[in-house]
Amino acid sequence: MALDNLVQVSDADFEDIVLKSSLPVVVDFYADWCPPCKMMAPGFAELSSDYAGKMLFAKYNVDDGVRGKEYGIRSIPTLVLFDSGKDVQRHTGGLVKPQLKQLIEGWLRREP
């Protein structure tokens, strides 16, 4: 499985990868010690391949930078959809792959 559509982002490259993306970007704000984050990670990675060319998937470790605080992340995992550099949708809490897919599909169908 190619995971070219799944990127790890940091404070240093968040703006270039997430905010300046021509595609919508779903960012998984997570931490390595978080059990629900670990549970959700395989499904998130698998779906990144399914949506290549439609949406970029990114992971941001809240323990490694300040973007979590900047975007008001108070609980993890939190998924945030960025479109044209703006935080437009979010979901907090772990999801299994079918739930993730349903969420992503809903976000892709949203009205501008």
N, C-alpha and C. Protein backbone atom coordinates (compact mmCIF):
# COMPACT_ATOMS: atom_id res chain seq x y z
N MET A 1 0.84 -1.17 0.00
CA MET A 1 0.00 0.00 0.00
C MET A 1 0.88 1.23 0.00
N ALA A 2 0.66 2.11 -0.95
CA ALA A 2 1.43 3.35 -1.01
C ALA A 2 0.83 4.37 -0.08
N LEU A 3 1.66 4.97 0.76
CA LEU A 3 1.17 5.97 1.69
C LEU A 3 1.70 7.36 1.32
N ASP A 4 1.89 7.61 0.03
CA ASP A 4 2.39 8.90 -0.43
C ASP A 4 1.45 10.04 -0.09
N ASN A 5 0.19 9.72 0.16
CA ASN A 5 -0.82 10.74 0.46
C ASN A 5 -0.96 10.96 1.96
N LEU A 6 -0.10 10.34 2.76
CA LEU A 6 -0.09 10.50 4.21
C LEU A 6 1.24 11.10 4.61
N VAL A 7 1.20 12.29 5.21
CA VAL A 7 2.43 12.97 5.58
C VAL A 7 2.42 13.33 7.06
N GLN A 8 3.60 13.28 7.64
CA GLN A 8 3.80 13.75 9.00
C GLN A 8 4.18 15.22 8.90
N VAL A 9 3.46 16.09 9.62
CA VAL A 9 3.76 17.52 9.58
C VAL A 9 4.22 18.00 10.95
N SER A 10 4.99 19.07 10.92
CA SER A 10 5.51 19.68 12.14
C SER A 10 5.24 21.17 12.07
N ASP A 11 5.61 21.89 13.10
CA ASP A 11 5.46 23.35 13.07
C ASP A 11 6.20 23.95 11.88
N ALA A 12 7.36 23.40 11.56
CA ALA A 12 8.20 23.95 10.50
C ALA A 12 7.57 23.88 9.12
N ASP A 13 6.81 22.81 8.84
CA ASP A 13 6.26 22.66 7.50
C ASP A 13 4.73 22.70 7.44
N PHE A 14 4.07 22.96 8.57
CA PHE A 14 2.61 22.97 8.64
C PHE A 14 2.01 23.95 7.62
N GLU A 15 2.54 25.14 7.58
CA GLU A 15 2.00 26.15 6.67
C GLU A 15 2.13 25.71 5.22
N ASP A 16 3.31 25.27 4.83
CA ASP A 16 3.53 24.87 3.43
C ASP A 16 2.71 23.66 3.03
N ILE A 17 2.62 22.67 3.90
CA ILE A 17 1.93 21.43 3.54
C ILE A 17 0.43 21.52 3.73
N VAL A 18 -0.01 22.06 4.85
CA VAL A 18 -1.44 22.07 5.18
C VAL A 18 -2.13 23.34 4.68
N LEU A 19 -1.64 24.48 5.08
CA LEU A 19 -2.35 25.73 4.80
C LEU A 19 -2.26 26.17 3.34
N LYS A 20 -1.21 25.79 2.65
CA LYS A 20 -1.05 26.20 1.25
C LYS A 20 -1.40 25.10 0.26
N SER A 21 -1.98 24.01 0.73
CA SER A 21 -2.33 22.89 -0.15
C SER A 21 -3.45 23.27 -1.11
N SER A 22 -3.34 22.79 -2.34
CA SER A 22 -4.40 23.00 -3.32
C SER A 22 -5.57 22.03 -3.08
N LEU A 23 -5.32 20.98 -2.31
CA LEU A 23 -6.35 20.01 -1.95
C LEU A 23 -6.82 20.26 -0.53
N PRO A 24 -8.04 19.83 -0.19
CA PRO A 24 -8.42 19.83 1.22
C PRO A 24 -7.45 18.92 1.98
N VAL A 25 -7.17 19.24 3.23
CA VAL A 25 -6.25 18.45 4.04
C VAL A 25 -6.94 18.07 5.35
N VAL A 26 -6.95 16.79 5.67
CA VAL A 26 -7.45 16.36 6.97
C VAL A 26 -6.22 16.08 7.84
N VAL A 27 -6.17 16.77 8.98
CA VAL A 27 -5.04 16.64 9.89
C VAL A 27 -5.49 15.87 11.12
N ASP A 28 -4.77 14.81 11.42
CA ASP A 28 -4.99 14.02 12.64
C ASP A 28 -4.06 14.58 13.71
N PHE A 29 -4.63 15.33 14.66
CA PHE A 29 -3.88 15.81 15.81
C PHE A 29 -3.88 14.67 16.82
N TYR A 30 -2.70 14.14 17.12
CA TYR A 30 -2.57 12.92 17.92
C TYR A 30 -1.37 13.02 18.85
N ALA A 31 -1.18 11.97 19.66
CA ALA A 31 0.04 11.79 20.47
C ALA A 31 0.36 10.30 20.49
N ASP A 32 1.65 10.00 20.60
CA ASP A 32 2.09 8.60 20.59
C ASP A 32 1.55 7.79 21.76
N TRP A 33 1.29 8.44 22.89
CA TRP A 33 0.84 7.75 24.10
C TRP A 33 -0.68 7.55 24.16
N CYS A 34 -1.41 8.03 23.18
CA CYS A 34 -2.89 8.06 23.19
C CYS A 34 -3.47 6.77 22.61
N PRO A 35 -4.13 5.92 23.42
CA PRO A 35 -4.71 4.67 22.90
C PRO A 35 -5.73 4.87 21.77
N PRO A 36 -6.69 5.80 21.88
CA PRO A 36 -7.62 5.97 20.75
C PRO A 36 -6.90 6.43 19.47
N CYS A 37 -5.83 7.19 19.62
CA CYS A 37 -5.04 7.63 18.46
C CYS A 37 -4.41 6.42 17.78
N LYS A 38 -3.86 5.52 18.58
CA LYS A 38 -3.23 4.31 18.04
C LYS A 38 -4.26 3.42 17.35
N MET A 39 -5.46 3.35 17.92
CA MET A 39 -6.54 2.53 17.35
C MET A 39 -6.97 3.08 15.99
N MET A 40 -6.98 4.39 15.85
CA MET A 40 -7.47 5.02 14.63
C MET A 40 -6.41 5.06 13.51
N ALA A 41 -5.14 4.99 13.87
CA ALA A 41 -4.04 5.20 12.91
C ALA A 41 -4.08 4.28 11.69
N PRO A 42 -4.30 2.97 11.84
CA PRO A 42 -4.28 2.12 10.64
C PRO A 42 -5.37 2.48 9.63
N GLY A 43 -6.57 2.74 10.10
CA GLY A 43 -7.66 3.13 9.19
C GLY A 43 -7.39 4.45 8.50
N PHE A 44 -6.83 5.40 9.24
CA PHE A 44 -6.48 6.70 8.69
C PHE A 44 -5.44 6.53 7.58
N ALA A 45 -4.44 5.70 7.83
CA ALA A 45 -3.39 5.44 6.83
C ALA A 45 -3.96 4.76 5.59
N GLU A 46 -4.82 3.78 5.78
CA GLU A 46 -5.40 3.07 4.65
C GLU A 46 -6.27 4.00 3.80
N LEU A 47 -7.06 4.84 4.45
CA LEU A 47 -7.92 5.75 3.70
C LEU A 47 -7.13 6.81 2.95
N SER A 48 -5.94 7.13 3.43
CA SER A 48 -5.13 8.13 2.73
C SER A 48 -4.86 7.69 1.30
N SER A 49 -4.67 6.41 1.09
CA SER A 49 -4.44 5.89 -0.27
C SER A 49 -5.72 5.97 -1.11
N ASP A 50 -6.85 5.68 -0.49
CA ASP A 50 -8.13 5.70 -1.20
C ASP A 50 -8.50 7.08 -1.72
N TYR A 51 -8.05 8.12 -1.04
CA TYR A 51 -8.45 9.49 -1.40
C TYR A 51 -7.32 10.30 -2.04
N ALA A 52 -6.29 9.63 -2.50
CA ALA A 52 -5.19 10.32 -3.19
C ALA A 52 -5.75 11.12 -4.35
N GLY A 53 -5.33 12.36 -4.47
CA GLY A 53 -5.80 13.24 -5.53
C GLY A 53 -7.05 14.02 -5.17
N LYS A 54 -7.74 13.60 -4.09
CA LYS A 54 -8.96 14.29 -3.66
C LYS A 54 -8.75 15.03 -2.35
N MET A 55 -7.92 14.46 -1.48
CA MET A 55 -7.70 15.00 -0.15
C MET A 55 -6.35 14.51 0.35
N LEU A 56 -5.61 15.40 1.00
CA LEU A 56 -4.33 15.03 1.60
C LEU A 56 -4.57 14.67 3.06
N PHE A 57 -3.86 13.66 3.54
CA PHE A 57 -3.96 13.22 4.93
C PHE A 57 -2.66 13.56 5.63
N ALA A 58 -2.76 14.21 6.79
CA ALA A 58 -1.57 14.62 7.54
C ALA A 58 -1.73 14.25 9.00
N LYS A 59 -0.60 13.97 9.64
CA LYS A 59 -0.57 13.68 11.07
C LYS A 59 0.31 14.71 11.75
N TYR A 60 -0.19 15.21 12.88
CA TYR A 60 0.55 16.22 13.65
C TYR A 60 0.58 15.77 15.11
N ASN A 61 1.78 15.54 15.63
CA ASN A 61 1.94 15.11 17.02
C ASN A 61 1.88 16.34 17.91
N VAL A 62 0.85 16.41 18.75
CA VAL A 62 0.64 17.60 19.60
C VAL A 62 1.74 17.77 20.65
N ASP A 63 2.49 16.72 20.93
CA ASP A 63 3.57 16.82 21.91
C ASP A 63 4.83 17.45 21.32
N ASP A 64 4.86 17.61 20.00
CA ASP A 64 6.07 18.08 19.33
C ASP A 64 6.00 19.53 18.86
N GLY A 65 4.94 20.24 19.16
CA GLY A 65 4.84 21.61 18.67
C GLY A 65 3.67 22.38 19.27
N VAL A 66 3.39 23.53 18.67
CA VAL A 66 2.39 24.45 19.21
C VAL A 66 1.11 24.54 18.39
N ARG A 67 1.05 23.88 17.26
CA ARG A 67 -0.14 24.00 16.41
C ARG A 67 -1.41 23.49 17.09
N GLY A 68 -1.29 22.47 17.93
CA GLY A 68 -2.45 21.98 18.65
C GLY A 68 -3.08 23.08 19.50
N LYS A 69 -2.26 23.80 20.24
CA LYS A 69 -2.76 24.93 21.05
C LYS A 69 -3.31 26.03 20.15
N GLU A 70 -2.59 26.32 19.08
CA GLU A 70 -3.01 27.37 18.15
C GLU A 70 -4.42 27.12 17.61
N TYR A 71 -4.75 25.86 17.35
CA TYR A 71 -6.06 25.51 16.81
C TYR A 71 -7.04 25.03 17.87
N GLY A 72 -6.71 25.24 19.13
CA GLY A 72 -7.65 24.94 20.21
C GLY A 72 -7.91 23.46 20.41
N ILE A 73 -6.95 22.62 20.11
CA ILE A 73 -7.11 21.17 20.30
C ILE A 73 -7.00 20.88 21.80
N ARG A 74 -8.08 20.40 22.37
CA ARG A 74 -8.12 20.13 23.81
C ARG A 74 -8.23 18.64 24.12
N SER A 75 -8.54 17.87 23.11
CA SER A 75 -8.71 16.43 23.28
C SER A 75 -8.19 15.75 22.01
N ILE A 76 -7.58 14.60 22.19
CA ILE A 76 -7.08 13.87 21.03
C ILE A 76 -7.63 12.45 21.04
N PRO A 77 -7.77 11.86 19.88
CA PRO A 77 -7.49 12.42 18.57
C PRO A 77 -8.55 13.44 18.15
N THR A 78 -8.11 14.45 17.44
CA THR A 78 -9.01 15.41 16.79
C THR A 78 -8.61 15.51 15.34
N LEU A 79 -9.58 15.33 14.47
CA LEU A 79 -9.38 15.49 13.03
C LEU A 79 -9.88 16.87 12.64
N VAL A 80 -9.07 17.60 11.92
CA VAL A 80 -9.45 18.93 11.45
C VAL A 80 -9.31 18.97 9.94
N LEU A 81 -10.36 19.41 9.27
CA LEU A 81 -10.33 19.57 7.82
C LEU A 81 -9.97 21.01 7.51
N PHE A 82 -8.89 21.17 6.74
CA PHE A 82 -8.46 22.48 6.27
C PHE A 82 -8.76 22.56 4.78
N ASP A 83 -9.36 23.65 4.37
CA ASP A 83 -9.62 23.88 2.95
C ASP A 83 -9.25 25.33 2.65
N SER A 84 -8.41 25.53 1.67
CA SER A 84 -7.92 26.87 1.31
C SER A 84 -7.30 27.56 2.52
N GLY A 85 -6.60 26.78 3.35
CA GLY A 85 -5.89 27.33 4.50
C GLY A 85 -6.74 27.60 5.72
N LYS A 86 -8.02 27.25 5.66
CA LYS A 86 -8.93 27.53 6.78
C LYS A 86 -9.41 26.24 7.43
N ASP A 87 -9.55 26.29 8.75
CA ASP A 87 -10.12 25.21 9.57
C ASP A 87 -11.63 25.25 9.32
N VAL A 88 -12.16 24.25 8.58
CA VAL A 88 -13.57 24.31 8.20
C VAL A 88 -14.46 23.25 8.86
N GLN A 89 -13.88 22.16 9.31
CA GLN A 89 -14.65 21.10 9.96
C GLN A 89 -13.75 20.41 10.96
N ARG A 90 -14.34 19.80 11.99
CA ARG A 90 -13.54 19.01 12.91
C ARG A 90 -14.37 17.91 13.57
N HIS A 91 -13.64 16.91 14.02
CA HIS A 91 -14.24 15.79 14.76
C HIS A 91 -13.26 15.38 15.85
N THR A 92 -13.77 15.24 17.07
CA THR A 92 -12.94 14.79 18.18
C THR A 92 -13.37 13.40 18.61
N GLY A 93 -12.39 12.54 18.82
CA GLY A 93 -12.65 11.17 19.27
C GLY A 93 -12.19 10.15 18.24
N GLY A 94 -11.86 8.98 18.73
CA GLY A 94 -11.38 7.92 17.85
C GLY A 94 -12.49 7.33 17.01
N LEU A 95 -12.16 6.95 15.80
CA LEU A 95 -13.10 6.32 14.88
C LEU A 95 -12.43 5.10 14.24
N VAL A 96 -13.24 4.08 13.97
CA VAL A 96 -12.74 2.94 13.21
C VAL A 96 -12.88 3.27 11.72
N LYS A 97 -12.23 2.50 10.88
CA LYS A 97 -12.15 2.82 9.45
C LYS A 97 -13.50 3.13 8.80
N PRO A 98 -14.55 2.31 9.00
CA PRO A 98 -15.83 2.64 8.34
C PRO A 98 -16.38 4.01 8.79
N GLN A 99 -16.20 4.34 10.06
CA GLN A 99 -16.66 5.64 10.56
C GLN A 99 -15.82 6.77 9.97
N LEU A 100 -14.51 6.55 9.89
CA LEU A 100 -13.62 7.54 9.27
C LEU A 100 -14.03 7.78 7.82
N LYS A 101 -14.29 6.71 7.09
CA LYS A 101 -14.68 6.83 5.69
C LYS A 101 -15.97 7.63 5.56
N GLN A 102 -16.93 7.36 6.42
CA GLN A 102 -18.20 8.09 6.38
C GLN A 102 -17.97 9.59 6.66
N LEU A 103 -17.12 9.89 7.63
CA LEU A 103 -16.80 11.28 7.96
C LEU A 103 -16.14 11.97 6.77
N ILE A 104 -15.14 11.32 6.18
CA ILE A 104 -14.41 11.89 5.04
C ILE A 104 -15.35 12.11 3.85
N GLU A 105 -16.19 11.14 3.57
CA GLU A 105 -17.15 11.28 2.47
C GLU A 105 -18.07 12.48 2.70
N GLY A 106 -18.54 12.64 3.93
CA GLY A 106 -19.38 13.79 4.26
C GLY A 106 -18.66 15.10 4.07
N TRP A 107 -17.40 15.13 4.47
CA TRP A 107 -16.62 16.36 4.31
C TRP A 107 -16.39 16.67 2.83
N LEU A 108 -16.16 15.66 2.01
CA LEU A 108 -15.93 15.90 0.59
C LEU A 108 -17.19 16.38 -0.13
N ARG A 109 -18.37 16.01 0.36
CA ARG A 109 -19.64 16.41 -0.25
C ARG A 109 -20.15 17.75 0.24
N ARG A 110 -19.49 18.34 1.22
CA ARG A 110 -20.01 19.56 1.84
C ARG A 110 -20.16 20.69 0.82
N GLU A 111 -21.08 21.57 1.12
CA GLU A 111 -21.29 22.75 0.28
C GLU A 111 -20.23 23.80 0.64
N PRO A 112 -19.77 24.58 -0.34
CA PRO A 112 -18.77 25.62 -0.06
C PRO A 112 -19.31 26.71 0.85
